[in-house]
Protein backbone atom coordinates (compact mmCIF):
# COMPACT_ATOMS: atom_id res chain seq x y z
CA UNK A 1 96.23 48.08 44.11
CA UNK A 2 95.44 44.04 43.10
CA UNK A 3 94.43 42.81 39.94
CA UNK A 4 91.31 41.57 42.16
CA UNK A 5 91.41 45.05 43.03
CA UNK A 6 91.13 46.81 39.95
CA UNK A 7 94.24 48.61 37.85
CA UNK A 8 96.50 51.57 38.19
CA UNK A 9 98.62 53.35 36.73
CA UNK A 10 100.16 57.16 35.75
CA UNK A 11 102.27 59.06 33.59
CA UNK A 12 104.62 62.03 34.23
CA UNK A 13 104.14 64.51 31.62
CA UNK A 14 105.23 67.87 30.31
CA UNK A 15 102.64 70.66 29.65
CA UNK A 16 104.13 74.48 28.77
CA UNK A 17 101.14 76.12 30.34
CA UNK A 18 99.63 75.83 33.31
CA UNK A 19 96.55 73.18 35.60
CA UNK A 20 93.67 75.73 34.93
CA UNK A 21 94.13 76.25 30.92
CA UNK A 22 94.71 72.51 30.69
CA UNK A 23 91.30 72.08 32.57
CA UNK A 24 89.86 74.59 30.16
CA UNK A 25 91.07 72.03 27.51
CA UNK A 26 90.11 68.88 28.54
CA UNK A 27 86.36 70.27 29.38
CA UNK A 28 86.41 71.96 26.21
CA UNK A 29 87.48 68.18 24.68
CA UNK A 30 84.14 66.77 25.96
CA UNK A 31 84.85 63.81 26.46
CA UNK A 32 85.67 62.66 30.33
CA UNK A 33 83.88 65.41 32.61
CA UNK A 34 87.10 67.12 34.35
CA UNK A 35 86.97 69.67 37.83
CA UNK A 36 89.56 71.36 39.34
CA UNK A 37 90.23 69.80 42.94
CA UNK A 38 91.98 71.20 46.12
CA UNK A 39 93.50 68.61 48.39
CA UNK A 40 96.33 69.38 51.22
CA UNK A 41 98.89 66.10 50.20
CA UNK A 42 98.44 67.20 46.38
CA UNK A 43 97.66 70.97 46.59
CA UNK A 44 95.45 71.27 43.81
CA UNK A 45 94.29 68.89 40.87
CA UNK A 46 91.90 67.35 38.15
CA UNK A 47 90.02 64.94 39.23
CA UNK A 48 87.22 63.35 36.30
CA UNK A 49 84.89 59.82 37.52
CA UNK A 50 83.83 59.30 33.45
CA UNK A 51 82.06 56.31 34.24
CA UNK A 52 81.48 54.07 37.79
CA UNK A 53 84.30 52.61 38.83
CA UNK A 54 87.32 54.64 36.68
CA UNK A 55 89.42 57.23 38.64
CA UNK A 56 91.34 60.18 36.45
CA UNK A 57 93.40 62.43 38.30
CA UNK A 58 96.38 65.07 37.18
CA UNK A 59 98.38 66.50 39.26
CA UNK A 60 101.54 69.69 38.69
CA UNK A 61 104.50 68.61 40.71
CA UNK A 62 106.44 72.02 39.23
CA UNK A 63 109.44 71.17 41.00
CA UNK A 64 109.72 67.88 38.96
CA UNK A 65 111.95 67.71 35.51
CA UNK A 66 108.25 66.29 34.49
CA UNK A 67 105.77 68.56 36.04
CA UNK A 68 103.19 67.40 35.87
CA UNK A 69 101.08 63.24 36.76
CA UNK A 70 98.09 61.64 36.15
CA UNK A 71 97.51 59.41 37.97
CA UNK A 72 94.04 56.16 36.54
CA UNK A 73 92.13 53.94 38.15
CA UNK A 74 90.08 50.81 37.17
CA UNK A 75 87.48 49.28 39.51
CA UNK A 76 86.30 45.46 38.47
CA UNK A 77 83.33 47.17 38.09
CA UNK A 78 84.31 48.93 35.75
CA UNK A 79 82.73 48.66 32.52
CA UNK A 80 85.26 50.06 30.33
CA UNK A 81 88.56 48.74 31.04
CA UNK A 82 92.33 49.58 31.16
CA UNK A 83 92.56 49.66 27.83
CA UNK A 84 90.27 51.29 26.67
CA UNK A 85 90.79 54.51 29.40
CA UNK A 86 94.08 54.10 28.73
CA UNK A 87 94.35 54.94 24.46
CA UNK A 88 91.20 57.67 25.40
CA UNK A 89 92.76 59.44 28.36
CA UNK A 90 96.03 59.41 26.33
CA UNK A 91 93.90 60.92 23.42
CA UNK A 92 92.86 63.45 25.14
CA UNK A 93 96.67 64.42 26.17
CA UNK A 94 97.72 64.58 23.45
CA UNK A 95 94.89 66.62 22.30
CA UNK A 96 95.43 69.10 24.65
CA UNK A 97 98.83 69.68 23.26
CA UNK A 98 101.06 67.52 26.18
CA UNK A 99 104.57 65.35 25.24
CA UNK A 100 106.71 63.60 26.50
CA UNK A 101 104.31 61.23 28.28
CA UNK A 102 106.14 58.86 29.81
CA UNK A 103 105.12 55.37 32.03
CA UNK A 104 105.78 55.11 35.78
CA UNK A 105 105.58 53.53 39.48
CA UNK A 106 101.99 54.87 40.03
CA UNK A 107 101.66 57.08 44.01
CA UNK A 108 99.21 58.65 45.77
């Protein structure tokens, strides 16, 4: 994704419980709408589209040292900019009990 197309960034993190538990915690927080999805490529993952032009996905890769990854995307038409999206996402993860959040290269 180029600067003209928008922003794309990613994190790895640790969460001691299941993806389904994380979904429940994020939904209960009520900050963004979350849903469980399934794909041939990624398997089961969480998806949120908190506003037009913003998409957040959380994937669980159990064979990795930090088994959870998040991919955040923001298109130019999104009202919220990267910093605001990132701040709220990080707060949601922290409130859910996620730890060891570290930036990684975006993936897809």
